[in-house]
Amino acid sequence: MDEQIKLFGTDIYYIPRIVLQDSTLDEVRYSKYQEQFQIEMLLQNVMGFGDNAEFISKFGLRITDEIVFRVSTRRWEQEVAEHSPTLTVESRPNEGDLLYFPLTKDIYEIKFVGKEEPFYQFGKIQFFAITAEIYEVGQDDFDTGVAEIDAVEQLFDNAIKLFMDPGGTGDFTVGEEVVGDEFLAKATSTITGDAVSGITITDGGAHYKVATPPSVTISGGGGTGATATATVSSTGIVNGITITSGGSGYISNPTITIDYSPKDNRAEVKSWDSATRALEVINRTGTFTTAEVITGLTSGAKWSPETFDTLNNTSSTYDQNRAIENDADNIVDWSETNPFGEFGNFTGSI
């Protein structure tokens, strides 16, 4: 079986899925793909896609072309399972994971894994039959190290463009992570002699975790060696910073930097135009505000948003979210107490 698949099959990239879930409802916020394993698979439906189906659903045109691959169970254990990938179900390919087929340059999402066909031939399962469909790109994070796979994220992920206020510093770099400071805690320091003697919290921030308080970094001021730790209240606010070492050699008050809150908005840079101050981002974990400063974690660039539109997907020329929103606002009067009926909108209404 292994020899037949090697002879007549082709190398396929198996890409495990890491799911990032909401901590309250366990809903999937988005998926990450950070590993890839190259393994030979045999294409079963060599005459073309199986189960060809195109139909109109409430989400528009749906194309559900299927493709079936077979992979040896022994080769799977050698090339994938042995490296302990992140799998929901151990010891076999998982539904929801992806396959990249270099021949067609398409990515497929696994929909079903046949684990018992043929049924224990020669006393064991010889191969897995993997049924997959063309992957529908969402707001997913690709960082597999294979350029042609990772390019999918830059090309097709939902993106928005933020235009920045004048006065920012630095240039963002493509691919870096940026973070806002809406919930960031802040503090200042004082020195006595040449050592740090006090730290005052000026903003306690929000949504920090008691069990994992943020780290505190003391930098600048001409000295070295000062360290401190933070504590977090039950309401998620940084309520105390304890100096564990005052250091030495400080001639001015050093800068206190507290780690970002887990709730602070993050995104990945798709493009940056310094001339127009336009920052295009993908993989957002929240919605930035015009009151915060966005910092590039690699470049150190700092800019504050002036305007942006979360409904305008700049990765697509077909999305009509903004047009639909504007038309809906013209139909529904949101200034009324009850925009969907007459009750409560005028005196005497019933």
Protein backbone atom coordinates (compact mmCIF):
# COMPACT_ATOMS: atom_id res chain seq x y z
CA MET A 1 0.00 0.00 0.00
CA ASP A 2 2.75 2.47 0.96
CA GLU A 3 4.66 1.79 -2.25
CA GLN A 4 1.59 2.20 -4.45
CA ILE A 5 0.74 5.59 -2.93
CA LYS A 6 4.36 6.73 -3.30
CA LEU A 7 4.47 5.67 -6.93
CA PHE A 8 1.11 7.00 -8.09
CA GLY A 9 0.38 9.68 -5.49
CA THR A 10 1.65 13.20 -4.96
CA ASP A 11 3.08 15.18 -2.05
CA ILE A 12 0.38 17.04 -0.10
CA TYR A 13 0.80 19.52 2.73
CA TYR A 14 -1.27 18.61 5.79
CA ILE A 15 -2.02 21.75 7.85
CA PRO A 16 -3.44 21.24 11.39
CA ARG A 17 -5.94 23.77 12.69
CA ILE A 18 -5.60 25.60 16.02
CA VAL A 19 -8.93 27.02 17.18
CA LEU A 20 -9.05 30.22 19.25
CA GLN A 21 -12.30 30.18 21.19
CA ASP A 22 -14.26 32.76 23.14
CA SER A 23 -13.68 32.13 26.85
CA THR A 24 -17.35 32.69 27.71
CA LEU A 25 -19.37 30.79 25.09
CA ASP A 26 -16.54 28.70 23.57
CA GLU A 27 -17.38 30.11 20.16
CA VAL A 28 -14.64 29.99 17.54
CA ARG A 29 -13.21 33.50 17.10
CA TYR A 30 -10.80 32.51 14.37
CA SER A 31 -8.43 29.70 13.40
CA LYS A 32 -4.65 29.61 13.21
CA TYR A 33 -2.54 27.42 10.95
CA GLN A 34 1.08 27.34 12.11
CA GLU A 35 2.30 23.84 11.26
CA GLN A 36 2.60 21.89 8.02
CA PHE A 37 3.61 18.32 7.26
CA GLN A 38 4.41 17.08 3.76
CA ILE A 39 3.17 13.56 3.07
CA GLU A 40 2.33 11.59 -0.06
CA MET A 41 -1.38 10.98 -0.76
CA LEU A 42 -3.23 9.27 -3.58
CA LEU A 43 -5.88 11.28 -5.40
CA GLN A 44 -8.90 9.02 -5.74
CA ASN A 45 -11.23 10.98 -8.06
CA VAL A 46 -8.71 11.45 -10.86
CA MET A 47 -11.41 12.28 -13.44
CA GLY A 48 -12.31 15.53 -11.68
CA PHE A 49 -14.18 16.83 -8.68
CA GLY A 50 -16.78 14.59 -7.12
CA ASP A 51 -20.24 15.66 -5.96
CA ASN A 52 -20.23 18.76 -8.15
CA ALA A 53 -22.79 21.12 -6.71
CA GLU A 54 -23.36 24.81 -7.24
CA PHE A 55 -26.39 26.37 -5.60
CA ILE A 56 -27.66 29.68 -4.28
CA SER A 57 -27.91 29.84 -0.50
CA LYS A 58 -28.73 32.73 1.83
CA PHE A 59 -25.01 33.56 1.73
CA GLY A 60 -24.86 33.68 -2.07
CA LEU A 61 -23.38 31.24 -4.58
CA ARG A 62 -22.03 28.05 -2.97
CA ILE A 63 -19.63 25.70 -4.74
CA THR A 64 -19.14 22.38 -2.92
CA ASP A 65 -16.77 20.49 -5.20
CA GLU A 66 -15.33 17.48 -3.36
CA ILE A 67 -11.95 15.80 -3.68
CA VAL A 68 -10.89 12.52 -2.06
CA PHE A 69 -7.34 11.62 -0.98
CA ARG A 70 -6.05 8.37 0.49
CA VAL A 71 -3.10 8.36 2.88
CA SER A 72 -1.34 5.35 4.39
CA THR A 73 -1.91 4.96 8.13
CA ARG A 74 1.71 3.87 8.62
CA ARG A 75 3.09 6.83 6.68
CA TRP A 76 0.74 9.11 8.63
CA GLU A 77 2.26 7.89 11.91
CA GLN A 78 5.81 8.35 10.55
CA GLU A 79 5.44 11.79 8.99
CA VAL A 80 2.75 13.51 11.08
CA ALA A 81 1.72 11.77 14.31
CA GLU A 82 5.34 11.21 15.36
CA HIS A 83 5.91 14.98 15.48
CA SER A 84 3.02 15.52 17.95
CA PRO A 85 1.05 18.13 15.98
CA THR A 86 -1.82 20.07 17.52
CA LEU A 87 -4.77 17.75 16.82
CA THR A 88 -8.26 17.67 18.31
CA VAL A 89 -8.46 13.91 17.75
CA GLU A 90 -5.12 12.18 18.05
CA SER A 91 -3.72 9.50 15.70
CA ARG A 92 -5.63 10.44 12.53
CA PRO A 93 -6.34 13.38 10.19
CA ASN A 94 -8.91 15.76 11.66
CA GLU A 95 -12.00 17.30 10.15
CA GLY A 96 -11.47 21.05 9.89
CA ASP A 97 -7.76 20.75 9.12
CA LEU A 98 -6.47 21.80 5.70
CA LEU A 99 -4.71 20.16 2.75
CA TYR A 100 -2.65 22.08 0.21
CA PHE A 101 -2.47 20.43 -3.24
CA PRO A 102 0.56 21.96 -5.06
CA LEU A 103 -0.56 20.61 -8.44
CA THR A 104 -3.73 22.74 -8.52
CA LYS A 105 -2.40 25.32 -5.99
CA ASP A 106 -5.65 24.99 -4.05
CA ILE A 107 -6.31 24.62 -0.35
CA TYR A 108 -8.94 22.10 0.75
CA GLU A 109 -10.74 21.78 4.07
CA ILE A 110 -11.22 18.25 5.39
CA LYS A 111 -14.93 17.48 5.83
CA PHE A 112 -14.83 13.75 6.60
CA VAL A 113 -12.22 11.11 7.33
CA GLY A 114 -13.10 7.50 6.46
CA LYS A 115 -11.32 5.37 9.03
CA GLU A 116 -12.61 1.87 8.24
CA GLU A 117 -12.65 1.38 4.48
CA PRO A 118 -11.81 -1.20 3.45
CA PHE A 119 -12.90 -2.78 6.72
CA TYR A 120 -9.75 -4.12 8.43
CA GLN A 121 -8.18 -5.59 5.31
CA PHE A 122 -5.42 -8.03 6.43
CA GLY A 123 -6.42 -7.38 10.02
CA LYS A 124 -5.75 -3.63 10.20
CA ILE A 125 -6.71 -0.25 8.76
CA GLN A 126 -4.44 0.31 5.76
CA PHE A 127 -5.28 3.92 4.89
CA PHE A 128 -7.48 6.90 5.69
CA ALA A 129 -9.89 8.17 3.02
CA ILE A 130 -10.03 11.96 3.31
CA THR A 131 -12.95 13.83 1.76
CA ALA A 132 -12.33 17.57 1.39
CA GLU A 133 -13.86 20.67 -0.18
CA ILE A 134 -12.32 23.89 -1.48
CA TYR A 135 -11.40 26.00 1.56
CA GLU A 136 -13.49 29.12 2.05
CA VAL A 137 -11.17 31.83 3.29
CA GLY A 138 -12.23 33.50 6.53
CA GLN A 139 -10.38 35.65 9.02
CA ASP A 140 -7.76 32.99 9.70
CA ASP A 141 -4.07 33.28 10.55
CA PHE A 142 -1.56 31.45 8.32
CA ASP A 143 2.05 31.14 9.47
CA THR A 144 3.19 27.76 8.16
CA GLY A 145 6.52 28.84 6.73
CA VAL A 146 5.47 27.86 3.19
CA ALA A 147 5.23 31.10 1.20
CA GLU A 148 2.58 29.95 -1.29
CA ILE A 149 0.30 28.81 1.56
CA ASP A 150 0.83 31.85 3.78
CA ALA A 151 0.10 34.15 0.81
CA VAL A 152 -3.58 33.13 1.03
CA GLU A 153 -3.96 35.17 4.20
CA GLN A 154 -2.54 38.35 2.68
CA LEU A 155 -4.58 38.02 -0.49
CA PHE A 156 -8.01 37.01 0.75
CA ASP A 157 -8.47 37.58 4.51
CA ASN A 158 -11.00 40.24 5.47
CA ALA A 159 -9.13 43.56 5.72
CA ILE A 160 -9.98 47.09 6.78
CA LYS A 161 -8.08 50.33 6.21
CA LEU A 162 -7.39 52.84 8.98
CA PHE A 163 -6.34 56.40 8.17
CA MET A 164 -4.09 57.78 10.90
CA ASP A 165 -3.93 61.18 12.57
CA PRO A 166 -0.87 63.29 11.73
CA GLY A 167 1.88 63.30 14.33
CA GLY A 168 2.61 59.60 14.62
CA THR A 169 6.11 58.16 14.52
CA GLY A 170 7.77 55.34 12.60
CA ASP A 171 6.65 53.04 9.79
CA PHE A 172 4.75 49.81 10.24
CA THR A 173 6.15 46.68 8.55
CA VAL A 174 4.06 44.18 6.60
CA GLY A 175 3.27 41.07 8.63
CA GLU A 176 3.98 42.51 12.06
CA GLU A 177 1.43 42.47 14.88
CA VAL A 178 -0.01 45.79 16.02
CA VAL A 179 -1.83 46.43 19.28
CA GLY A 180 -3.96 49.27 20.65
CA ASP A 181 -3.76 50.67 24.16
CA GLU A 182 -7.45 51.08 25.00
CA PHE A 183 -7.16 48.94 28.15
CA LEU A 184 -3.43 49.38 28.84
CA ALA A 185 -2.33 50.19 32.39
CA LYS A 186 0.15 53.05 32.83
CA ALA A 187 2.50 54.22 35.58
CA THR A 188 5.28 56.70 36.36
CA SER A 189 8.39 56.46 38.53
CA THR A 190 10.44 58.52 40.95
CA ILE A 191 14.06 58.11 42.07
CA THR A 192 15.91 58.77 45.27
CA GLY A 193 19.63 59.21 44.83
CA ASP A 194 20.46 56.97 41.89
CA ALA A 195 17.83 54.27 42.57
CA VAL A 196 14.14 53.87 41.71
CA SER A 197 12.22 54.49 44.92
CA GLY A 198 8.58 54.76 43.87
CA ILE A 199 6.11 53.80 41.14
CA THR A 200 2.72 55.49 40.83
CA ILE A 201 -0.12 53.94 38.81
CA THR A 202 -1.74 56.63 36.66
CA ASP A 203 -4.16 54.29 34.87
CA GLY A 204 -5.09 50.86 36.16
CA GLY A 205 -6.22 49.64 32.76
CA ALA A 206 -8.87 46.92 32.47
CA HIS A 207 -9.45 43.21 31.79
CA TYR A 208 -6.19 41.97 33.27
CA LYS A 209 -6.04 38.51 34.88
CA VAL A 210 -5.43 38.01 38.61
CA ALA A 211 -3.68 34.69 38.03
CA THR A 212 -1.37 36.09 35.33
CA PRO A 213 -0.52 39.71 36.21
CA PRO A 214 1.29 41.74 33.54
CA SER A 215 5.04 42.11 33.58
CA VAL A 216 6.56 45.50 34.41
CA THR A 217 9.61 46.83 32.55
CA ILE A 218 11.75 49.73 33.81
CA SER A 219 13.87 51.37 31.12
CA GLY A 220 15.79 54.57 30.46
CA GLY A 221 16.86 57.11 33.07
CA GLY A 222 20.55 56.28 32.67
CA GLY A 223 20.58 53.41 35.16
CA THR A 224 20.16 49.64 35.23
CA GLY A 225 18.92 46.84 37.44
CA ALA A 226 15.53 48.17 38.60
CA THR A 227 12.73 45.58 38.61
CA ALA A 228 9.13 45.49 39.76
CA THR A 229 6.05 43.25 39.82
CA ALA A 230 2.34 44.07 39.42
CA THR A 231 -0.80 42.84 41.15
CA VAL A 232 -4.30 42.76 39.69
CA SER A 233 -7.62 43.25 41.49
CA SER A 234 -10.60 40.90 41.18
CA THR A 235 -12.14 43.42 38.75
CA GLY A 236 -9.19 43.17 36.33
CA ILE A 237 -7.48 46.46 37.23
CA VAL A 238 -3.77 46.79 38.00
CA ASN A 239 -3.95 48.01 41.60
CA GLY A 240 -0.37 47.75 42.79
CA ILE A 241 3.25 47.69 41.65
CA THR A 242 5.98 46.52 44.03
CA ILE A 243 9.62 47.47 43.46
CA THR A 244 11.74 44.33 43.87
CA SER A 245 15.02 46.09 43.10
CA GLY A 246 15.76 49.82 42.91
CA GLY A 247 18.76 49.35 40.64
CA SER A 248 21.49 51.97 40.43
CA GLY A 249 22.95 54.72 38.26
CA TYR A 250 19.66 56.51 37.50
CA ILE A 251 19.96 60.24 36.85
CA SER A 252 16.33 60.82 35.79
CA ASN A 253 13.00 59.09 36.27
CA PRO A 254 12.93 55.94 34.11
CA THR A 255 9.97 54.88 31.96
CA ILE A 256 7.58 52.30 33.35
CA THR A 257 6.04 49.95 30.77
CA ILE A 258 3.25 47.56 31.72
CA ASP A 259 2.29 44.69 29.40
CA TYR A 260 -0.82 45.10 27.28
CA SER A 261 -4.17 43.89 28.54
CA PRO A 262 -5.45 40.58 27.08
CA LYS A 263 -8.45 42.59 25.87
CA ASP A 264 -6.43 45.18 23.92
CA ASN A 265 -7.22 45.10 20.20
CA ARG A 266 -4.69 43.38 17.99
CA ALA A 267 -4.25 42.91 14.24
CA GLU A 268 -1.69 42.02 11.57
CA VAL A 269 -0.36 44.58 9.11
CA LYS A 270 -1.27 43.91 5.47
CA SER A 271 0.06 47.20 4.10
CA TRP A 272 1.24 50.64 5.23
CA ASP A 273 1.33 53.81 3.12
CA SER A 274 3.26 56.53 4.94
CA ALA A 275 2.29 59.16 2.33
CA THR A 276 -1.46 58.80 2.96
CA ARG A 277 -1.05 57.45 6.53
CA ALA A 278 -3.20 54.45 5.55
CA LEU A 279 -2.78 51.26 7.57
CA GLU A 280 -4.45 48.11 6.19
CA VAL A 281 -4.87 45.28 8.71
CA ILE A 282 -6.13 41.70 8.81
CA ASN A 283 -6.83 39.19 11.62
CA ARG A 284 -8.36 41.74 13.97
CA THR A 285 -9.30 40.56 17.45
CA GLY A 286 -11.46 43.62 18.14
CA THR A 287 -12.36 47.08 16.88
CA PHE A 288 -9.87 49.90 17.29
CA THR A 289 -11.02 53.31 18.52
CA THR A 290 -9.91 56.82 17.57
CA ALA A 291 -8.92 57.45 21.19
CA GLU A 292 -6.12 54.89 21.33
CA VAL A 293 -2.57 54.64 20.01
CA ILE A 294 -1.69 51.67 17.80
CA THR A 295 1.85 50.35 18.23
CA GLY A 296 3.80 48.02 15.94
CA LEU A 297 5.35 45.34 18.13
CA THR A 298 8.25 44.85 15.69
CA SER A 299 8.75 48.31 14.17
CA GLY A 300 7.83 50.35 17.25
CA ALA A 301 5.73 52.69 15.07
CA LYS A 302 3.03 54.59 16.97
CA TRP A 303 -0.03 56.15 15.33
CA SER A 304 -3.57 57.01 16.40
CA PRO A 305 -6.53 56.24 14.07
CA GLU A 306 -8.42 59.18 12.60
CA THR A 307 -11.08 57.38 10.54
CA PHE A 308 -11.88 53.81 9.51
CA ASP A 309 -14.80 51.70 8.31
CA THR A 310 -15.14 48.15 9.66
CA LEU A 311 -17.81 47.33 7.05
CA ASN A 312 -15.58 48.03 4.07
CA ASN A 313 -13.59 44.87 3.27
CA THR A 314 -10.65 46.16 1.20
CA SER A 315 -9.65 42.62 0.17
CA SER A 316 -12.76 42.23 -1.97
CA THR A 317 -14.31 44.18 -4.82
CA TYR A 318 -17.60 42.30 -4.40
CA ASP A 319 -18.52 42.92 -0.75
CA GLN A 320 -21.44 45.32 -0.35
CA ASN A 321 -21.63 45.60 3.43
CA ARG A 322 -21.42 49.39 3.45
CA ALA A 323 -24.01 49.80 0.66
CA ILE A 324 -26.43 47.43 2.44
CA GLU A 325 -25.91 49.26 5.73
CA ASN A 326 -26.60 52.66 4.15
CA ASP A 327 -29.72 51.42 2.35
CA ALA A 328 -31.02 49.80 5.54
CA ASP A 329 -30.53 53.04 7.46
CA ASN A 330 -32.67 54.81 4.86
CA ILE A 331 -35.46 52.28 5.38
CA VAL A 332 -35.40 51.94 9.17
CA ASP A 333 -35.67 55.07 11.36
CA TRP A 334 -33.34 54.29 14.27
CA SER A 335 -34.29 57.53 16.04
CA GLU A 336 -37.70 56.04 16.90
CA THR A 337 -38.20 54.29 20.22
CA ASN A 338 -39.56 51.29 18.33
CA PRO A 339 -38.23 51.32 14.74
CA PHE A 340 -40.03 48.08 13.89
CA GLY A 341 -43.60 49.12 14.78
CA GLU A 342 -45.85 51.95 15.93
CA PHE A 343 -46.15 51.13 19.64
CA GLY A 344 -44.45 53.80 21.76
CA ASN A 345 -43.71 56.16 18.89
CA PHE A 346 -46.51 58.67 19.45
CA THR A 347 -48.94 59.76 22.15
CA GLY A 348 -51.90 57.38 22.40
CA SER A 349 -50.20 54.54 20.57
CA ILE A 350 -51.20 51.07 21.70
